[in-house]
Amino acid sequence: MQEGESFPFCWVKFDSDSCIDVQGHKIEIYIKKDSVSIDDMKSLFCDLFGTVVDELSIFSPSWWDFCIDTWNIQENTFCYDPQFLSKETVSYLHILQDSNIAKGYSGCCVCNDWDTYLSVALDCIMKGIAPYGNFIYNSKEQFFFYFHHTGSIGLYYENETPSIFALRKNDKYEVLSCSDVSRLSQIE
């Protein structure tokens, strides 16, 4: 991964409590199965975003704090010592170390190995070690999305583009339109 700047959309604001204020629209995209695997989620990603994968970047307000087991809630501190963390978190932190992403980094990165990133991040998300994914965005098409532990993708956009229209009309997955979005506290 390569580091970059802050989140690119003026219609999305982050505050210090990891809350976001989005002035836009949201759709939820679900896999039509009772039990969803990591491979199912990777296939969903490839089906929906495979043609624009080179245009995608990832944003996190706190890369090293993606997994909840790094947080000591009683002391409100963070620990990255592998002996105290799940193997899934350790795998995720290894990606960050191997990519030279500094502790405390908040910002954007370009992913150079989507297969590895998705395998590790989705393992954390699907097991509830990370409640939802980092924000993956396309600055050209002006949308962003995240993976949720329920096996869905939450996708946000300001204005509907041909790509968003095609996603909304996809019959392979269940696509639910949500009302206009404003002030989302701790993404669900």
C-alpha atoms as a PDB file:
ATOM      1  CA  MET A   1       0.000   0.000   0.000  1.00  0.00           C
ATOM      2  CA  GLN A   2       1.087   3.537  -0.618  1.00  0.00           C
ATOM      3  CA  GLU A   3       0.075   6.396   1.659  1.00  0.00           C
ATOM      4  CA  GLY A   4      -1.711   9.474   0.405  1.00  0.00           C
ATOM      5  CA  GLU A   5      -3.910  12.331   1.495  1.00  0.00           C
ATOM      6  CA  SER A   6      -7.150  12.748   3.416  1.00  0.00           C
ATOM      7  CA  PHE A   7     -10.610  11.570   2.377  1.00  0.00           C
ATOM      8  CA  PRO A   8     -11.387  13.226  -0.984  1.00  0.00           C
ATOM      9  CA  PHE A   9     -15.105  14.013  -0.804  1.00  0.00           C
ATOM     10  CA  CYS A  10     -16.315  17.370   0.529  1.00  0.00           C
ATOM     11  CA  TRP A  11     -19.775  15.832   1.102  1.00  0.00           C
ATOM     12  CA  VAL A  12     -18.327  13.518   3.789  1.00  0.00           C
ATOM     13  CA  LYS A  13     -16.944  14.807   7.091  1.00  0.00           C
ATOM     14  CA  PHE A  14     -15.196  12.814   9.823  1.00  0.00           C
ATOM     15  CA  ASP A  15     -15.009  13.972  13.421  1.00  0.00           C
ATOM     16  CA  SER A  16     -12.758  12.965  16.319  1.00  0.00           C
ATOM     17  CA  ASP A  17     -15.212  10.314  17.572  1.00  0.00           C
ATOM     18  CA  SER A  18     -15.073   8.270  14.334  1.00  0.00           C
ATOM     19  CA  CYS A  19     -18.495   9.549  13.344  1.00  0.00           C
ATOM     20  CA  ILE A  20     -19.220  10.678   9.848  1.00  0.00           C
ATOM     21  CA  ASP A  21     -21.616  13.195   8.434  1.00  0.00           C
ATOM     22  CA  VAL A  22     -22.645  12.238   4.909  1.00  0.00           C
ATOM     23  CA  GLN A  23     -24.700  14.462   2.659  1.00  0.00           C
ATOM     24  CA  GLY A  24     -25.611  11.893   0.056  1.00  0.00           C
ATOM     25  CA  HIS A  25     -27.381   8.632  -0.663  1.00  0.00           C
ATOM     26  CA  LYS A  26     -26.853   5.091   0.556  1.00  0.00           C
ATOM     27  CA  ILE A  27     -27.589   1.627  -0.740  1.00  0.00           C
ATOM     28  CA  GLU A  28     -26.957  -1.676   1.024  1.00  0.00           C
ATOM     29  CA  ILE A  29     -25.860  -4.596  -1.126  1.00  0.00           C
ATOM     30  CA  TYR A  30     -26.442  -8.111   0.215  1.00  0.00           C
ATOM     31  CA  ILE A  31     -25.481 -11.535  -1.051  1.00  0.00           C
ATOM     32  CA  LYS A  32     -28.595 -13.682  -1.553  1.00  0.00           C
ATOM     33  CA  LYS A  33     -27.450 -16.518   0.737  1.00  0.00           C
ATOM     34  CA  ASP A  34     -28.142 -17.477   4.336  1.00  0.00           C
ATOM     35  CA  SER A  35     -24.473 -18.057   5.108  1.00  0.00           C
ATOM     36  CA  VAL A  36     -21.854 -15.740   3.596  1.00  0.00           C
ATOM     37  CA  SER A  37     -18.153 -16.626   3.376  1.00  0.00           C
ATOM     38  CA  ILE A  38     -15.049 -14.533   2.817  1.00  0.00           C
ATOM     39  CA  ASP A  39     -14.872 -15.916  -0.727  1.00  0.00           C
ATOM     40  CA  ASP A  40     -18.478 -14.789  -1.298  1.00  0.00           C
ATOM     41  CA  MET A  41     -17.548 -11.275  -0.170  1.00  0.00           C
ATOM     42  CA  LYS A  42     -14.450 -11.249  -2.397  1.00  0.00           C
ATOM     43  CA  SER A  43     -16.616 -12.349  -5.339  1.00  0.00           C
ATOM     44  CA  LEU A  44     -19.086  -9.574  -4.535  1.00  0.00           C
ATOM     45  CA  PHE A  45     -16.210  -7.076  -4.561  1.00  0.00           C
ATOM     46  CA  CYS A  46     -14.918  -8.393  -7.910  1.00  0.00           C
ATOM     47  CA  ASP A  47     -18.393  -8.496  -9.490  1.00  0.00           C
ATOM     48  CA  LEU A  48     -19.257  -4.955  -8.446  1.00  0.00           C
ATOM     49  CA  PHE A  49     -15.902  -3.196  -8.612  1.00  0.00           C
ATOM     50  CA  GLY A  50     -13.601  -5.390 -10.708  1.00  0.00           C
ATOM     51  CA  THR A  51     -13.783  -3.082 -13.723  1.00  0.00           C
ATOM     52  CA  VAL A  52     -12.745  -0.053 -11.638  1.00  0.00           C
ATOM     53  CA  VAL A  53     -10.390  -1.717  -9.141  1.00  0.00           C
ATOM     54  CA  ASP A  54      -7.454   0.355 -10.432  1.00  0.00           C
ATOM     55  CA  GLU A  55      -9.406   3.501  -9.544  1.00  0.00           C
ATOM     56  CA  LEU A  56     -10.049   2.432  -5.926  1.00  0.00           C
ATOM     57  CA  SER A  57      -8.196   3.659  -2.851  1.00  0.00           C
ATOM     58  CA  ILE A  58      -8.710   2.974   0.851  1.00  0.00           C
ATOM     59  CA  PHE A  59      -9.219   5.469   3.667  1.00  0.00           C
ATOM     60  CA  SER A  60      -9.059   4.877   7.398  1.00  0.00           C
ATOM     61  CA  PRO A  61      -9.329   7.466  10.158  1.00  0.00           C
ATOM     62  CA  SER A  62      -6.995   5.195  12.156  1.00  0.00           C
ATOM     63  CA  TRP A  63      -5.349   2.324  10.262  1.00  0.00           C
ATOM     64  CA  TRP A  64      -3.821   0.600  13.266  1.00  0.00           C
ATOM     65  CA  ASP A  65      -7.072   0.651  15.258  1.00  0.00           C
ATOM     66  CA  PHE A  66      -9.157  -1.244  12.675  1.00  0.00           C
ATOM     67  CA  CYS A  67      -9.525  -4.325  14.907  1.00  0.00           C
ATOM     68  CA  ILE A  68     -11.289  -3.863  18.226  1.00  0.00           C
ATOM     69  CA  ASP A  69      -8.945  -6.131  20.162  1.00  0.00           C
ATOM     70  CA  THR A  70      -6.206  -3.477  19.901  1.00  0.00           C
ATOM     71  CA  TRP A  71      -8.302  -1.262  22.197  1.00  0.00           C
ATOM     72  CA  ASN A  72      -8.216  -1.467  25.994  1.00  0.00           C
ATOM     73  CA  ILE A  73     -11.614   0.003  26.782  1.00  0.00           C
ATOM     74  CA  GLN A  74     -10.952   0.362  30.533  1.00  0.00           C
ATOM     75  CA  GLU A  75      -7.846   2.497  30.023  1.00  0.00           C
ATOM     76  CA  ASN A  76      -8.792   3.901  26.601  1.00  0.00           C
ATOM     77  CA  THR A  77      -5.387   2.899  25.230  1.00  0.00           C
ATOM     78  CA  PHE A  78      -4.269   0.826  22.274  1.00  0.00           C
ATOM     79  CA  CYS A  79      -1.926  -2.169  22.269  1.00  0.00           C
ATOM     80  CA  TYR A  80      -0.331  -3.648  19.171  1.00  0.00           C
ATOM     81  CA  ASP A  81       1.685  -6.381  20.884  1.00  0.00           C
ATOM     82  CA  PRO A  82       0.956  -9.631  18.982  1.00  0.00           C
ATOM     83  CA  GLN A  83       0.929 -11.728  22.157  1.00  0.00           C
ATOM     84  CA  PHE A  84      -2.272  -9.956  23.275  1.00  0.00           C
ATOM     85  CA  LEU A  85      -4.076  -9.960  19.921  1.00  0.00           C
ATOM     86  CA  SER A  86      -6.038 -12.419  17.805  1.00  0.00           C
ATOM     87  CA  LYS A  87      -4.247 -14.108  14.921  1.00  0.00           C
ATOM     88  CA  GLU A  88      -6.528 -12.213  12.527  1.00  0.00           C
ATOM     89  CA  THR A  89      -5.483  -8.860  13.996  1.00  0.00           C
ATOM     90  CA  VAL A  90      -1.827  -9.876  13.876  1.00  0.00           C
ATOM     91  CA  SER A  91      -2.211 -10.727  10.162  1.00  0.00           C
ATOM     92  CA  TYR A  92      -3.800  -7.338   9.523  1.00  0.00           C
ATOM     93  CA  LEU A  93      -1.060  -5.495  11.437  1.00  0.00           C
ATOM     94  CA  HIS A  94       1.573  -7.402   9.446  1.00  0.00           C
ATOM     95  CA  ILE A  95       0.093  -5.976   6.237  1.00  0.00           C
ATOM     96  CA  LEU A  96       0.466  -2.492   7.712  1.00  0.00           C
ATOM     97  CA  GLN A  97       4.043  -3.154   8.838  1.00  0.00           C
ATOM     98  CA  ASP A  98       5.009  -4.689   5.496  1.00  0.00           C
ATOM     99  CA  SER A  99       3.506  -1.648   3.766  1.00  0.00           C
ATOM    100  CA  ASN A 100       5.341   0.814   6.027  1.00  0.00           C
ATOM    101  CA  ILE A 101       2.103   2.351   7.303  1.00  0.00           C
ATOM    102  CA  ALA A 102       3.079   4.142  10.502  1.00  0.00           C
ATOM    103  CA  LYS A 103       1.256   3.672  13.799  1.00  0.00           C
ATOM    104  CA  GLY A 104      -1.210   6.500  14.193  1.00  0.00           C
ATOM    105  CA  TYR A 105      -1.547   7.066  10.445  1.00  0.00           C
ATOM    106  CA  SER A 106      -4.906   8.439   9.370  1.00  0.00           C
ATOM    107  CA  GLY A 107      -5.471   8.850   5.672  1.00  0.00           C
ATOM    108  CA  CYS A 108      -5.607   7.233   2.264  1.00  0.00           C
ATOM    109  CA  CYS A 109      -3.638   4.390   0.761  1.00  0.00           C
ATOM    110  CA  VAL A 110      -3.479   2.778  -2.651  1.00  0.00           C
ATOM    111  CA  CYS A 111      -3.766  -1.000  -2.441  1.00  0.00           C
ATOM    112  CA  ASN A 112      -1.207  -2.945  -4.475  1.00  0.00           C
ATOM    113  CA  ASP A 113      -2.539  -6.418  -3.582  1.00  0.00           C
ATOM    114  CA  TRP A 114      -6.325  -6.528  -3.320  1.00  0.00           C
ATOM    115  CA  ASP A 115      -6.461 -10.299  -2.916  1.00  0.00           C
ATOM    116  CA  THR A 116      -4.271 -10.263   0.201  1.00  0.00           C
ATOM    117  CA  TYR A 117      -5.864  -7.137   1.654  1.00  0.00           C
ATOM    118  CA  LEU A 118      -9.415  -8.447   1.144  1.00  0.00           C
ATOM    119  CA  SER A 119      -8.588 -11.903   2.522  1.00  0.00           C
ATOM    120  CA  VAL A 120      -7.114 -10.489   5.721  1.00  0.00           C
ATOM    121  CA  ALA A 121      -9.519  -7.559   6.229  1.00  0.00           C
ATOM    122  CA  LEU A 122     -12.617  -9.643   5.469  1.00  0.00           C
ATOM    123  CA  ASP A 123     -11.424 -12.348   7.868  1.00  0.00           C
ATOM    124  CA  CYS A 124     -11.355  -9.699  10.615  1.00  0.00           C
ATOM    125  CA  ILE A 125     -14.725  -8.260   9.591  1.00  0.00           C
ATOM    126  CA  MET A 126     -16.593 -11.554   9.145  1.00  0.00           C
ATOM    127  CA  LYS A 127     -15.373 -12.798  12.548  1.00  0.00           C
ATOM    128  CA  GLY A 128     -16.430  -9.580  14.284  1.00  0.00           C
ATOM    129  CA  ILE A 129     -12.859  -8.597  15.165  1.00  0.00           C
ATOM    130  CA  ALA A 130     -13.433  -5.465  13.094  1.00  0.00           C
ATOM    131  CA  PRO A 131     -17.103  -4.408  13.046  1.00  0.00           C
ATOM    132  CA  TYR A 132     -16.856  -2.924   9.553  1.00  0.00           C
ATOM    133  CA  GLY A 133     -14.214  -2.297   6.928  1.00  0.00           C
ATOM    134  CA  ASN A 134     -12.091   0.665   6.052  1.00  0.00           C
ATOM    135  CA  PHE A 135     -13.624   3.010   3.500  1.00  0.00           C
ATOM    136  CA  ILE A 136     -12.870   2.023  -0.086  1.00  0.00           C
ATOM    137  CA  TYR A 137     -13.532   4.828  -2.526  1.00  0.00           C
ATOM    138  CA  ASN A 138     -13.474   5.833  -6.156  1.00  0.00           C
ATOM    139  CA  SER A 139     -12.715   9.542  -6.482  1.00  0.00           C
ATOM    140  CA  LYS A 140     -13.508   9.556 -10.215  1.00  0.00           C
ATOM    141  CA  GLU A 141     -17.009   8.082  -9.746  1.00  0.00           C
ATOM    142  CA  GLN A 142     -17.507   9.865  -6.382  1.00  0.00           C
ATOM    143  CA  PHE A 143     -18.594   6.904  -4.246  1.00  0.00           C
ATOM    144  CA  PHE A 144     -17.302   5.004  -1.243  1.00  0.00           C
ATOM    145  CA  PHE A 145     -18.241   1.761   0.446  1.00  0.00           C
ATOM    146  CA  TYR A 146     -17.337  -0.468   3.335  1.00  0.00           C
ATOM    147  CA  PHE A 147     -17.816  -4.135   4.160  1.00  0.00           C
ATOM    148  CA  HIS A 148     -20.027  -4.969   7.131  1.00  0.00           C
ATOM    149  CA  HIS A 149     -19.819  -8.029   9.389  1.00  0.00           C
ATOM    150  CA  THR A 150     -23.336  -9.030   8.284  1.00  0.00           C
ATOM    151  CA  GLY A 151     -21.969  -9.875   4.841  1.00  0.00           C
ATOM    152  CA  SER A 152     -23.118  -6.714   3.134  1.00  0.00           C
ATOM    153  CA  ILE A 153     -21.619  -3.632   1.550  1.00  0.00           C
ATOM    154  CA  GLY A 154     -22.816  -0.149   2.463  1.00  0.00           C
ATOM    155  CA  LEU A 155     -22.283   2.155  -0.513  1.00  0.00           C
ATOM    156  CA  TYR A 156     -22.569   5.956  -0.366  1.00  0.00           C
ATOM    157  CA  TYR A 157     -22.680   8.420  -3.233  1.00  0.00           C
ATOM    158  CA  GLU A 158     -23.532  12.057  -3.737  1.00  0.00           C
ATOM    159  CA  ASN A 159     -25.012  11.838  -7.236  1.00  0.00           C
ATOM    160  CA  GLU A 160     -26.064   8.801  -9.216  1.00  0.00           C
ATOM    161  CA  THR A 161     -23.617   7.949 -12.004  1.00  0.00           C
ATOM    162  CA  PRO A 162     -23.961   5.245 -14.672  1.00  0.00           C
ATOM    163  CA  SER A 163     -21.889   2.944 -12.415  1.00  0.00           C
ATOM    164  CA  ILE A 164     -24.176   3.520  -9.427  1.00  0.00           C
ATOM    165  CA  PHE A 165     -27.248   3.034 -11.623  1.00  0.00           C
ATOM    166  CA  ALA A 166     -25.838  -0.304 -12.827  1.00  0.00           C
ATOM    167  CA  LEU A 167     -25.163  -1.379  -9.222  1.00  0.00           C
ATOM    168  CA  ARG A 168     -28.719  -0.490  -8.218  1.00  0.00           C
ATOM    169  CA  LYS A 169     -30.130  -2.572 -11.101  1.00  0.00           C
ATOM    170  CA  ASN A 170     -27.942  -5.629 -10.401  1.00  0.00           C
ATOM    171  CA  ASP A 171     -30.228  -8.648  -9.894  1.00  0.00           C
ATOM    172  CA  LYS A 172     -27.500 -11.014  -8.703  1.00  0.00           C
ATOM    173  CA  TYR A 173     -27.467  -9.313  -5.302  1.00  0.00           C
ATOM    174  CA  GLU A 174     -30.142  -7.803  -3.116  1.00  0.00           C
ATOM    175  CA  VAL A 175     -29.823  -4.021  -3.315  1.00  0.00           C
ATOM    176  CA  LEU A 176     -31.747  -1.972  -0.769  1.00  0.00           C
ATOM    177  CA  SER A 177     -32.104   1.757  -1.194  1.00  0.00           C
ATOM    178  CA  CYS A 178     -31.834   3.727   1.994  1.00  0.00           C
ATOM    179  CA  SER A 179     -33.287   7.176   2.448  1.00  0.00           C
ATOM    180  CA  ASP A 180     -31.012  10.168   2.063  1.00  0.00           C
ATOM    181  CA  VAL A 181     -28.252   9.949   4.598  1.00  0.00           C
ATOM    182  CA  SER A 182     -27.207  12.547   7.116  1.00  0.00           C
ATOM    183  CA  ARG A 183     -25.234  12.197  10.339  1.00  0.00           C
ATOM    184  CA  LEU A 184     -24.256   8.583  10.719  1.00  0.00           C
ATOM    185  CA  SER A 185     -22.845   7.836  14.126  1.00  0.00           C
ATOM    186  CA  GLN A 186     -20.464   4.875  14.222  1.00  0.00           C
ATOM    187  CA  ILE A 187     -21.381   3.269  10.907  1.00  0.00           C
ATOM    188  CA  GLU A 188     -23.789   0.407  11.427  1.00  0.00           C
END
